[in-house]
Amino acid sequence: MAWVLLGAAIATEVAGTLALRASDGFSRLVPSIIVVVGYAASFGFLALVLKSLPVGIVYAIWSAIGVALVAVFGKIMFGDPVPPLAIAGIVLIVGGVALVSFSGASSH
């Protein structure tokens, strides 16, 4: 169940971040509301996840997957540049987090 909640935390954080870009500096109402709701939901889900999983692992996964998804969807939705060196960096970040996650520290 904690992993499902972590997925929800990642999804709501990514939605909030993409809405932040779409809010145009909080000058557009609907995206601005999505930002606030998305981040609040994400931290709420994270709080629940942290009852059963270690904070280091959870934060590493949440941030790395969030970075990768925001880069992909930012490219798709807004035409944001994602140069090859950035792609390599994102792959290294996600790979590093995968190594940390598979280290055996899965619960507390």
PDB file of N, CA and C in Angstrom:
ATOM      1  N   MET A   1       0.818  -1.195   0.000  1.00  0.00           N
ATOM      2  CA  MET A   1       0.000   0.000   0.000  1.00  0.00           C
ATOM      3  C   MET A   1       0.861   1.257   0.000  1.00  0.00           C
ATOM      4  N   ALA A   2       2.001   1.223   0.712  1.00  0.00           N
ATOM      5  CA  ALA A   2       2.876   2.395   0.773  1.00  0.00           C
ATOM      6  C   ALA A   2       3.399   2.762  -0.611  1.00  0.00           C
ATOM      7  N   TRP A   3       3.669   1.752  -1.432  1.00  0.00           N
ATOM      8  CA  TRP A   3       4.192   2.028  -2.772  1.00  0.00           C
ATOM      9  C   TRP A   3       3.129   2.673  -3.657  1.00  0.00           C
ATOM     10  N   VAL A   4       1.891   2.283  -3.482  1.00  0.00           N
ATOM     11  CA  VAL A   4       0.788   2.909  -4.226  1.00  0.00           C
ATOM     12  C   VAL A   4       0.653   4.373  -3.801  1.00  0.00           C
ATOM     13  N   LEU A   5       0.739   4.626  -2.502  1.00  0.00           N
ATOM     14  CA  LEU A   5       0.676   5.998  -2.006  1.00  0.00           C
ATOM     15  C   LEU A   5       1.865   6.821  -2.487  1.00  0.00           C
ATOM     16  N   LEU A   6       3.037   6.199  -2.587  1.00  0.00           N
ATOM     17  CA  LEU A   6       4.189   6.905  -3.128  1.00  0.00           C
ATOM     18  C   LEU A   6       3.954   7.273  -4.593  1.00  0.00           C
ATOM     19  N   GLY A   7       3.348   6.373  -5.343  1.00  0.00           N
ATOM     20  CA  GLY A   7       2.989   6.680  -6.733  1.00  0.00           C
ATOM     21  C   GLY A   7       2.026   7.854  -6.811  1.00  0.00           C
ATOM     22  N   ALA A   8       1.065   7.889  -5.892  1.00  0.00           N
ATOM     23  CA  ALA A   8       0.116   9.008  -5.846  1.00  0.00           C
ATOM     24  C   ALA A   8       0.831  10.306  -5.475  1.00  0.00           C
ATOM     25  N   ALA A   9       1.791  10.224  -4.548  1.00  0.00           N
ATOM     26  CA  ALA A   9       2.558  11.416  -4.162  1.00  0.00           C
ATOM     27  C   ALA A   9       3.355  11.948  -5.345  1.00  0.00           C
ATOM     28  N   ILE A  10       3.944  11.057  -6.101  1.00  0.00           N
ATOM     29  CA  ILE A  10       4.712  11.464  -7.287  1.00  0.00           C
ATOM     30  C   ILE A  10       3.783  12.087  -8.325  1.00  0.00           C
ATOM     31  N   ALA A  11       2.665  11.434  -8.596  1.00  0.00           N
ATOM     32  CA  ALA A  11       1.727  11.936  -9.612  1.00  0.00           C
ATOM     33  C   ALA A  11       1.184  13.316  -9.253  1.00  0.00           C
ATOM     34  N   THR A  12       0.825  13.512  -7.994  1.00  0.00           N
ATOM     35  CA  THR A  12       0.263  14.812  -7.607  1.00  0.00           C
ATOM     36  C   THR A  12       1.335  15.901  -7.576  1.00  0.00           C
ATOM     37  N   GLU A  13       2.567  15.537  -7.237  1.00  0.00           N
ATOM     38  CA  GLU A  13       3.653  16.521  -7.270  1.00  0.00           C
ATOM     39  C   GLU A  13       3.971  16.926  -8.699  1.00  0.00           C
ATOM     40  N   VAL A  14       3.993  15.969  -9.601  1.00  0.00           N
ATOM     41  CA  VAL A  14       4.253  16.269 -11.010  1.00  0.00           C
ATOM     42  C   VAL A  14       3.133  17.145 -11.576  1.00  0.00           C
ATOM     43  N   ALA A  15       1.895  16.808 -11.253  1.00  0.00           N
ATOM     44  CA  ALA A  15       0.768  17.634 -11.709  1.00  0.00           C
ATOM     45  C   ALA A  15       0.883  19.056 -11.166  1.00  0.00           C
ATOM     46  N   GLY A  16       1.234  19.185  -9.894  1.00  0.00           N
ATOM     47  CA  GLY A  16       1.401  20.507  -9.295  1.00  0.00           C
ATOM     48  C   GLY A  16       2.519  21.298  -9.948  1.00  0.00           C
ATOM     49  N   THR A  17       3.622  20.638 -10.254  1.00  0.00           N
ATOM     50  CA  THR A  17       4.757  21.319 -10.876  1.00  0.00           C
ATOM     51  C   THR A  17       4.427  21.755 -12.299  1.00  0.00           C
ATOM     52  N   LEU A  18       3.773  20.895 -13.059  1.00  0.00           N
ATOM     53  CA  LEU A  18       3.376  21.272 -14.413  1.00  0.00           C
ATOM     54  C   LEU A  18       2.350  22.402 -14.393  1.00  0.00           C
ATOM     55  N   ALA A  19       1.453  22.370 -13.410  1.00  0.00           N
ATOM     56  CA  ALA A  19       0.479  23.452 -13.278  1.00  0.00           C
ATOM     57  C   ALA A  19       1.177  24.750 -12.875  1.00  0.00           C
ATOM     58  N   LEU A  20       2.255  24.652 -12.104  1.00  0.00           N
ATOM     59  CA  LEU A  20       3.019  25.839 -11.729  1.00  0.00           C
ATOM     60  C   LEU A  20       3.553  26.529 -12.983  1.00  0.00           C
ATOM     61  N   ARG A  21       4.047  25.731 -13.907  1.00  0.00           N
ATOM     62  CA  ARG A  21       4.517  26.284 -15.192  1.00  0.00           C
ATOM     63  C   ARG A  21       3.359  26.917 -15.950  1.00  0.00           C
ATOM     64  N   ALA A  22       2.203  26.257 -15.937  1.00  0.00           N
ATOM     65  CA  ALA A  22       1.026  26.748 -16.665  1.00  0.00           C
ATOM     66  C   ALA A  22       0.364  27.936 -15.981  1.00  0.00           C
ATOM     67  N   SER A  23       0.652  28.151 -14.702  1.00  0.00           N
ATOM     68  CA  SER A  23      -0.020  29.232 -13.958  1.00  0.00           C
ATOM     69  C   SER A  23       0.453  30.619 -14.368  1.00  0.00           C
ATOM     70  N   ASP A  24       1.568  30.673 -15.094  1.00  0.00           N
ATOM     71  CA  ASP A  24       2.109  31.952 -15.569  1.00  0.00           C
ATOM     72  C   ASP A  24       2.330  32.898 -14.390  1.00  0.00           C
ATOM     73  N   GLY A  25       3.099  32.418 -13.416  1.00  0.00           N
ATOM     74  CA  GLY A  25       3.403  33.248 -12.246  1.00  0.00           C
ATOM     75  C   GLY A  25       2.207  33.474 -11.343  1.00  0.00           C
ATOM     76  N   PHE A  26       1.355  32.479 -11.229  1.00  0.00           N
ATOM     77  CA  PHE A  26       0.118  32.534 -10.435  1.00  0.00           C
ATOM     78  C   PHE A  26      -0.860  33.592 -10.952  1.00  0.00           C
ATOM     79  N   SER A  27      -0.785  33.889 -12.229  1.00  0.00           N
ATOM     80  CA  SER A  27      -1.720  34.860 -12.808  1.00  0.00           C
ATOM     81  C   SER A  27      -2.936  34.187 -13.452  1.00  0.00           C
ATOM     82  N   ARG A  28      -2.937  32.855 -13.522  1.00  0.00           N
ATOM     83  CA  ARG A  28      -4.075  32.103 -14.059  1.00  0.00           C
ATOM     84  C   ARG A  28      -4.666  31.272 -12.925  1.00  0.00           C
ATOM     85  N   LEU A  29      -5.966  31.423 -12.699  1.00  0.00           N
ATOM     86  CA  LEU A  29      -6.616  30.859 -11.511  1.00  0.00           C
ATOM     87  C   LEU A  29      -6.589  29.331 -11.467  1.00  0.00           C
ATOM     88  N   VAL A  30      -7.077  28.668 -12.506  1.00  0.00           N
ATOM     89  CA  VAL A  30      -7.220  27.209 -12.449  1.00  0.00           C
ATOM     90  C   VAL A  30      -5.866  26.514 -12.265  1.00  0.00           C
ATOM     91  N   PRO A  31      -4.850  26.841 -13.061  1.00  0.00           N
ATOM     92  CA  PRO A  31      -3.561  26.196 -12.792  1.00  0.00           C
ATOM     93  C   PRO A  31      -3.008  26.519 -11.401  1.00  0.00           C
ATOM     94  N   SER A  32      -3.262  27.723 -10.904  1.00  0.00           N
ATOM     95  CA  SER A  32      -2.794  28.094  -9.566  1.00  0.00           C
ATOM     96  C   SER A  32      -3.456  27.234  -8.495  1.00  0.00           C
ATOM     97  N   ILE A  33      -4.723  26.960  -8.651  1.00  0.00           N
ATOM     98  CA  ILE A  33      -5.437  26.079  -7.711  1.00  0.00           C
ATOM     99  C   ILE A  33      -4.871  24.665  -7.776  1.00  0.00           C
ATOM    100  N   ILE A  34      -4.576  24.205  -8.995  1.00  0.00           N
ATOM    101  CA  ILE A  34      -4.001  22.864  -9.163  1.00  0.00           C
ATOM    102  C   ILE A  34      -2.641  22.774  -8.480  1.00  0.00           C
ATOM    103  N   VAL A  35      -1.859  23.843  -8.534  1.00  0.00           N
ATOM    104  CA  VAL A  35      -0.557  23.867  -7.856  1.00  0.00           C
ATOM    105  C   VAL A  35      -0.741  23.616  -6.362  1.00  0.00           C
ATOM    106  N   VAL A  36      -1.601  24.393  -5.747  1.00  0.00           N
ATOM    107  CA  VAL A  36      -1.790  24.300  -4.298  1.00  0.00           C
ATOM    108  C   VAL A  36      -2.349  22.934  -3.909  1.00  0.00           C
ATOM    109  N   VAL A  37      -3.367  22.480  -4.607  1.00  0.00           N
ATOM    110  CA  VAL A  37      -3.974  21.184  -4.306  1.00  0.00           C
ATOM    111  C   VAL A  37      -2.985  20.049  -4.581  1.00  0.00           C
ATOM    112  N   GLY A  38      -2.256  20.144  -5.686  1.00  0.00           N
ATOM    113  CA  GLY A  38      -1.290  19.097  -6.042  1.00  0.00           C
ATOM    114  C   GLY A  38      -0.188  18.952  -5.014  1.00  0.00           C
ATOM    115  N   TYR A  39       0.402  20.077  -4.599  1.00  0.00           N
ATOM    116  CA  TYR A  39       1.468  20.001  -3.609  1.00  0.00           C
ATOM    117  C   TYR A  39       0.947  19.558  -2.245  1.00  0.00           C
ATOM    118  N   ALA A  40      -0.218  20.059  -1.841  1.00  0.00           N
ATOM    119  CA  ALA A  40      -0.790  19.642  -0.554  1.00  0.00           C
ATOM    120  C   ALA A  40      -1.077  18.140  -0.551  1.00  0.00           C
ATOM    121  N   ALA A  41      -1.654  17.646  -1.636  1.00  0.00           N
ATOM    122  CA  ALA A  41      -1.941  16.213  -1.737  1.00  0.00           C
ATOM    123  C   ALA A  41      -0.651  15.402  -1.734  1.00  0.00           C
ATOM    124  N   SER A  42       0.346  15.870  -2.460  1.00  0.00           N
ATOM    125  CA  SER A  42       1.610  15.153  -2.527  1.00  0.00           C
ATOM    126  C   SER A  42       2.243  15.015  -1.151  1.00  0.00           C
ATOM    127  N   PHE A  43       2.292  16.112  -0.404  1.00  0.00           N
ATOM    128  CA  PHE A  43       2.882  16.036   0.935  1.00  0.00           C
ATOM    129  C   PHE A  43       2.018  15.205   1.880  1.00  0.00           C
ATOM    130  N   GLY A  44       0.726  15.228   1.695  1.00  0.00           N
ATOM    131  CA  GLY A  44      -0.151  14.369   2.494  1.00  0.00           C
ATOM    132  C   GLY A  44       0.131  12.900   2.235  1.00  0.00           C
ATOM    133  N   PHE A  45       0.258  12.537   0.958  1.00  0.00           N
ATOM    134  CA  PHE A  45       0.589  11.155   0.610  1.00  0.00           C
ATOM    135  C   PHE A  45       1.969  10.771   1.145  1.00  0.00           C
ATOM    136  N   LEU A  46       2.927  11.692   1.024  1.00  0.00           N
ATOM    137  CA  LEU A  46       4.269  11.406   1.546  1.00  0.00           C
ATOM    138  C   LEU A  46       4.239  11.148   3.046  1.00  0.00           C
ATOM    139  N   ALA A  47       3.457  11.927   3.770  1.00  0.00           N
ATOM    140  CA  ALA A  47       3.353  11.728   5.221  1.00  0.00           C
ATOM    141  C   ALA A  47       2.858  10.322   5.542  1.00  0.00           C
ATOM    142  N   LEU A  48       1.912   9.840   4.762  1.00  0.00           N
ATOM    143  CA  LEU A  48       1.396   8.484   4.982  1.00  0.00           C
ATOM    144  C   LEU A  48       2.439   7.429   4.621  1.00  0.00           C
ATOM    145  N   VAL A  49       3.152   7.650   3.522  1.00  0.00           N
ATOM    146  CA  VAL A  49       4.180   6.698   3.097  1.00  0.00           C
ATOM    147  C   VAL A  49       5.278   6.576   4.155  1.00  0.00           C
ATOM    148  N   LEU A  50       5.633   7.717   4.759  1.00  0.00           N
ATOM    149  CA  LEU A  50       6.741   7.723   5.710  1.00  0.00           C
ATOM    150  C   LEU A  50       6.422   7.002   7.017  1.00  0.00           C
ATOM    151  N   LYS A  51       5.184   6.571   7.195  1.00  0.00           N
ATOM    152  CA  LYS A  51       4.854   5.736   8.352  1.00  0.00           C
ATOM    153  C   LYS A  51       5.479   4.353   8.228  1.00  0.00           C
ATOM    154  N   SER A  52       5.761   3.923   6.975  1.00  0.00           N
ATOM    155  CA  SER A  52       6.248   2.554   6.806  1.00  0.00           C
ATOM    156  C   SER A  52       7.527   2.421   5.981  1.00  0.00           C
ATOM    157  N   LEU A  53       7.967   3.480   5.329  1.00  0.00           N
ATOM    158  CA  LEU A  53       9.193   3.389   4.538  1.00  0.00           C
ATOM    159  C   LEU A  53      10.190   4.461   4.996  1.00  0.00           C
ATOM    160  N   PRO A  54      11.492   4.205   4.834  1.00  0.00           N
ATOM    161  CA  PRO A  54      12.511   5.155   5.282  1.00  0.00           C
ATOM    162  C   PRO A  54      12.493   6.454   4.468  1.00  0.00           C
ATOM    163  N   VAL A  55      12.701   7.556   5.147  1.00  0.00           N
ATOM    164  CA  VAL A  55      12.606   8.874   4.519  1.00  0.00           C
ATOM    165  C   VAL A  55      13.621   9.039   3.384  1.00  0.00           C
ATOM    166  N   GLY A  56      14.827   8.535   3.539  1.00  0.00           N
ATOM    167  CA  GLY A  56      15.840   8.680   2.492  1.00  0.00           C
ATOM    168  C   GLY A  56      15.449   8.006   1.195  1.00  0.00           C
ATOM    169  N   ILE A  57      14.939   6.793   1.320  1.00  0.00           N
ATOM    170  CA  ILE A  57      14.510   6.038   0.135  1.00  0.00           C
ATOM    171  C   ILE A  57      13.308   6.719  -0.513  1.00  0.00           C
ATOM    172  N   VAL A  58      12.333   7.079   0.307  1.00  0.00           N
ATOM    173  CA  VAL A  58      11.107   7.703  -0.207  1.00  0.00           C
ATOM    174  C   VAL A  58      11.431   9.007  -0.921  1.00  0.00           C
ATOM    175  N   TYR A  59      12.225   9.849  -0.295  1.00  0.00           N
ATOM    176  CA  TYR A  59      12.534  11.151  -0.901  1.00  0.00           C
ATOM    177  C   TYR A  59      13.340  10.984  -2.178  1.00  0.00           C
ATOM    178  N   ALA A  60      14.263  10.046  -2.183  1.00  0.00           N
ATOM    179  CA  ALA A  60      15.066   9.807  -3.383  1.00  0.00           C
ATOM    180  C   ALA A  60      14.184   9.371  -4.551  1.00  0.00           C
ATOM    181  N   ILE A  61      13.285   8.446  -4.301  1.00  0.00           N
ATOM    182  CA  ILE A  61      12.395   7.963  -5.359  1.00  0.00           C
ATOM    183  C   ILE A  61      11.457   9.080  -5.807  1.00  0.00           C
ATOM    184  N   TRP A  62      10.839   9.762  -4.842  1.00  0.00           N
ATOM    185  CA  TRP A  62       9.882  10.838  -5.141  1.00  0.00           C
ATOM    186  C   TRP A  62      10.527  11.923  -5.986  1.00  0.00           C
ATOM    187  N   SER A  63      11.711  12.346  -5.597  1.00  0.00           N
ATOM    188  CA  SER A  63      12.347  13.448  -6.317  1.00  0.00           C
ATOM    189  C   SER A  63      12.881  13.009  -7.680  1.00  0.00           C
ATOM    190  N   ALA A  64      13.503  11.840  -7.752  1.00  0.00           N
ATOM    191  CA  ALA A  64      14.092  11.393  -9.019  1.00  0.00           C
ATOM    192  C   ALA A  64      13.028  11.113 -10.074  1.00  0.00           C
ATOM    193  N   ILE A  65      12.000  10.386  -9.700  1.00  0.00           N
ATOM    194  CA  ILE A  65      10.935  10.090 -10.659  1.00  0.00           C
ATOM    195  C   ILE A  65      10.205  11.382 -11.027  1.00  0.00           C
ATOM    196  N   GLY A  66      10.029  12.266 -10.046  1.00  0.00           N
ATOM    197  CA  GLY A  66       9.402  13.561 -10.321  1.00  0.00           C
ATOM    198  C   GLY A  66      10.195  14.374 -11.325  1.00  0.00           C
ATOM    199  N   VAL A  67      11.519  14.431 -11.160  1.00  0.00           N
ATOM    200  CA  VAL A  67      12.380  15.164 -12.092  1.00  0.00           C
ATOM    201  C   VAL A  67      12.238  14.593 -13.499  1.00  0.00           C
ATOM    202  N   ALA A  68      12.294  13.285 -13.610  1.00  0.00           N
ATOM    203  CA  ALA A  68      12.212  12.651 -14.923  1.00  0.00           C
ATOM    204  C   ALA A  68      10.855  12.915 -15.585  1.00  0.00           C
ATOM    205  N   LEU A  69       9.778  12.748 -14.832  1.00  0.00           N
ATOM    206  CA  LEU A  69       8.451  12.948 -15.410  1.00  0.00           C
ATOM    207  C   LEU A  69       8.191  14.404 -15.769  1.00  0.00           C
ATOM    208  N   VAL A  70       8.646  15.331 -14.939  1.00  0.00           N
ATOM    209  CA  VAL A  70       8.456  16.750 -15.257  1.00  0.00           C
ATOM    210  C   VAL A  70       9.237  17.103 -16.518  1.00  0.00           C
ATOM    211  N   ALA A  71      10.430  16.566 -16.682  1.00  0.00           N
ATOM    212  CA  ALA A  71      11.199  16.835 -17.896  1.00  0.00           C
ATOM    213  C   ALA A  71      10.473  16.307 -19.136  1.00  0.00           C
ATOM    214  N   VAL A  72       9.965  15.088 -19.056  1.00  0.00           N
ATOM    215  CA  VAL A  72       9.266  14.490 -20.198  1.00  0.00           C
ATOM    216  C   VAL A  72       7.990  15.262 -20.519  1.00  0.00           C
ATOM    217  N   PHE A  73       7.154  15.476 -19.501  1.00  0.00           N
ATOM    218  CA  PHE A  73       5.885  16.168 -19.752  1.00  0.00           C
ATOM    219  C   PHE A  73       6.086  17.654 -20.052  1.00  0.00           C
ATOM    220  N   GLY A  74       7.139  18.253 -19.515  1.00  0.00           N
ATOM    221  CA  GLY A  74       7.452  19.639 -19.858  1.00  0.00           C
ATOM    222  C   GLY A  74       7.795  19.768 -21.330  1.00  0.00           C
ATOM    223  N   LYS A  75       8.503  18.788 -21.856  1.00  0.00           N
ATOM    224  CA  LYS A  75       8.822  18.750 -23.290  1.00  0.00           C
ATOM    225  C   LYS A  75       7.553  18.575 -24.114  1.00  0.00           C
ATOM    226  N   ILE A  76       6.703  17.638 -23.695  1.00  0.00           N
ATOM    227  CA  ILE A  76       5.485  17.345 -24.446  1.00  0.00           C
ATOM    228  C   ILE A  76       4.491  18.503 -24.384  1.00  0.00           C
ATOM    229  N   MET A  77       4.264  19.023 -23.190  1.00  0.00           N
ATOM    230  CA  MET A  77       3.196  20.021 -23.000  1.00  0.00           C
ATOM    231  C   MET A  77       3.619  21.448 -23.348  1.00  0.00           C
ATOM    232  N   PHE A  78       4.877  21.793 -23.065  1.00  0.00           N
ATOM    233  CA  PHE A  78       5.300  23.183 -23.204  1.00  0.00           C
ATOM    234  C   PHE A  78       6.432  23.376 -24.207  1.00  0.00           C
ATOM    235  N   GLY A  79       6.925  22.287 -24.769  1.00  0.00           N
ATOM    236  CA  GLY A  79       8.044  22.394 -25.693  1.00  0.00           C
ATOM    237  C   GLY A  79       9.352  22.773 -25.018  1.00  0.00           C
ATOM    238  N   ASP A  80       9.451  22.504 -23.708  1.00  0.00           N
ATOM    239  CA  ASP A  80      10.678  22.824 -22.974  1.00  0.00           C
ATOM    240  C   ASP A  80      11.851  22.022 -23.540  1.00  0.00           C
ATOM    241  N   PRO A  81      13.023  22.628 -23.606  1.00  0.00           N
ATOM    242  CA  PRO A  81      14.183  21.900 -24.128  1.00  0.00           C
ATOM    243  C   PRO A  81      14.665  20.837 -23.144  1.00  0.00           C
ATOM    244  N   VAL A  82      15.023  19.690 -23.677  1.00  0.00           N
ATOM    245  CA  VAL A  82      15.651  18.636 -22.880  1.00  0.00           C
ATOM    246  C   VAL A  82      16.850  18.144 -23.700  1.00  0.00           C
ATOM    247  N   PRO A  83      17.984  18.827 -23.549  1.00  0.00           N
ATOM    248  CA  PRO A  83      19.159  18.451 -24.342  1.00  0.00           C
ATOM    249  C   PRO A  83      19.699  17.080 -23.948  1.00  0.00           C
ATOM    250  N   PRO A  84      20.470  16.473 -24.833  1.00  0.00           N
ATOM    251  CA  PRO A  84      21.000  15.129 -24.565  1.00  0.00           C
ATOM    252  C   PRO A  84      21.763  15.018 -23.244  1.00  0.00           C
ATOM    253  N   LEU A  85      22.518  16.037 -22.877  1.00  0.00           N
ATOM    254  CA  LEU A  85      23.252  15.976 -21.614  1.00  0.00           C
ATOM    255  C   LEU A  85      22.295  15.941 -20.425  1.00  0.00           C
ATOM    256  N   ALA A  86      21.185  16.666 -20.523  1.00  0.00           N
ATOM    257  CA  ALA A  86      20.171  16.626 -19.458  1.00  0.00           C
ATOM    258  C   ALA A  86      19.535  15.243 -19.379  1.00  0.00           C
ATOM    259  N   ILE A  87      19.273  14.648 -20.514  1.00  0.00           N
ATOM    260  CA  ILE A  87      18.708  13.285 -20.542  1.00  0.00           C
ATOM    261  C   ILE A  87      19.674  12.319 -19.863  1.00  0.00           C
ATOM    262  N   ALA A  88      20.949  12.435 -20.169  1.00  0.00           N
ATOM    263  CA  ALA A  88      21.950  11.561 -19.536  1.00  0.00           C
ATOM    264  C   ALA A  88      21.958  11.769 -18.025  1.00  0.00           C
ATOM    265  N   GLY A  89      21.869  13.015 -17.585  1.00  0.00           N
ATOM    266  CA  GLY A  89      21.839  13.301 -16.148  1.00  0.00           C
ATOM    267  C   GLY A  89      20.621  12.708 -15.472  1.00  0.00           C
ATOM    268  N   ILE A  90      19.466  12.823 -16.123  1.00  0.00           N
ATOM    269  CA  ILE A  90      18.237  12.250 -15.558  1.00  0.00           C
ATOM    270  C   ILE A  90      18.345  10.735 -15.468  1.00  0.00           C
ATOM    271  N   VAL A  91      18.899  10.106 -16.489  1.00  0.00           N
ATOM    272  CA  VAL A  91      19.089   8.646 -16.463  1.00  0.00           C
ATOM    273  C   VAL A  91      20.009   8.259 -15.306  1.00  0.00           C
ATOM    274  N   LEU A  92      21.074   9.031 -15.087  1.00  0.00           N
ATOM    275  CA  LEU A  92      21.989   8.743 -13.977  1.00  0.00           C
ATOM    276  C   LEU A  92      21.296   8.924 -12.627  1.00  0.00           C
ATOM    277  N   ILE A  93      20.480   9.961 -12.498  1.00  0.00           N
ATOM    278  CA  ILE A  93      19.756  10.184 -11.244  1.00  0.00           C
ATOM    279  C   ILE A  93      18.823   9.021 -10.953  1.00  0.00           C
ATOM    280  N   VAL A  94      18.021   8.641 -11.941  1.00  0.00           N
ATOM    281  CA  VAL A  94      17.070   7.541 -11.752  1.00  0.00           C
ATOM    282  C   VAL A  94      17.817   6.235 -11.486  1.00  0.00           C
ATOM    283  N   GLY A  95      18.910   6.006 -12.200  1.00  0.00           N
ATOM    284  CA  GLY A  95      19.711   4.808 -11.962  1.00  0.00           C
ATOM    285  C   GLY A  95      20.300   4.775 -10.563  1.00  0.00           C
ATOM    286  N   GLY A  96      20.792   5.909 -10.098  1.00  0.00           N
ATOM    287  CA  GLY A  96      21.336   5.995  -8.737  1.00  0.00           C
ATOM    288  C   GLY A  96      20.283   5.718  -7.690  1.00  0.00           C
ATOM    289  N   VAL A  97      19.100   6.245  -7.899  1.00  0.00           N
ATOM    290  CA  VAL A  97      18.009   6.003  -6.957  1.00  0.00           C
ATOM    291  C   VAL A  97      17.602   4.534  -6.976  1.00  0.00           C
ATOM    292  N   ALA A  98      17.617   3.933  -8.155  1.00  0.00           N
ATOM    293  CA  ALA A  98      17.303   2.507  -8.242  1.00  0.00           C
ATOM    294  C   ALA A  98      18.308   1.700  -7.416  1.00  0.00           C
ATOM    295  N   LEU A  99      19.586   2.046  -7.501  1.00  0.00           N
ATOM    296  CA  LEU A  99      20.601   1.350  -6.702  1.00  0.00           C
ATOM    297  C   LEU A  99      20.356   1.520  -5.212  1.00  0.00           C
ATOM    298  N   VAL A 100      20.038   2.746  -4.805  1.00  0.00           N
ATOM    299  CA  VAL A 100      19.746   2.999  -3.393  1.00  0.00           C
ATOM    300  C   VAL A 100      18.519   2.197  -2.949  1.00  0.00           C
ATOM    301  N   SER A 101      17.506   2.186  -3.794  1.00  0.00           N
ATOM    302  CA  SER A 101      16.256   1.485  -3.460  1.00  0.00           C
ATOM    303  C   SER A 101      16.472  -0.022  -3.322  1.00  0.00           C
ATOM    304  N   PHE A 102      17.336  -0.567  -4.149  1.00  0.00           N
ATOM    305  CA  PHE A 102      17.580  -2.004  -4.112  1.00  0.00           C
ATOM    306  C   PHE A 102      18.631  -2.399  -3.068  1.00  0.00           C
ATOM    307  N   SER A 103      19.060  -1.436  -2.264  1.00  0.00           N
ATOM    308  CA  SER A 103      20.103  -1.702  -1.272  1.00  0.00           C
ATOM    309  C   SER A 103      19.614  -2.563  -0.117  1.00  0.00           C
ATOM    310  N   GLY A 104      18.295  -2.710  -0.001  1.00  0.00           N
ATOM    311  CA  GLY A 104      17.758  -3.537   1.070  1.00  0.00           C
ATOM    312  C   GLY A 104      17.067  -2.753   2.157  1.00  0.00           C
ATOM    313  N   ALA A 105      17.181  -1.446   2.160  1.00  0.00           N
ATOM    314  CA  ALA A 105      16.538  -0.614   3.179  1.00  0.00           C
ATOM    315  C   ALA A 105      15.113  -0.316   2.713  1.00  0.00           C
ATOM    316  N   SER A 106      14.198  -1.262   2.930  1.00  0.00           N
ATOM    317  CA  SER A 106      12.866  -1.107   2.375  1.00  0.00           C
ATOM    318  C   SER A 106      11.797  -0.755   3.394  1.00  0.00           C
ATOM    319  N   SER A 107      12.064  -0.911   4.669  1.00  0.00           N
ATOM    320  CA  SER A 107      11.062  -0.547   5.682  1.00  0.00           C
ATOM    321  C   SER A 107      11.767  -0.221   6.993  1.00  0.00           C
ATOM    322  N   HIS A 108      11.003   0.362   7.901  1.00  0.00           N
ATOM    323  CA  HIS A 108      11.584   0.658   9.218  1.00  0.00           C
ATOM    324  C   HIS A 108      10.673   0.195  10.317  1.00  0.00           C
TER     325      HIS A 108
END
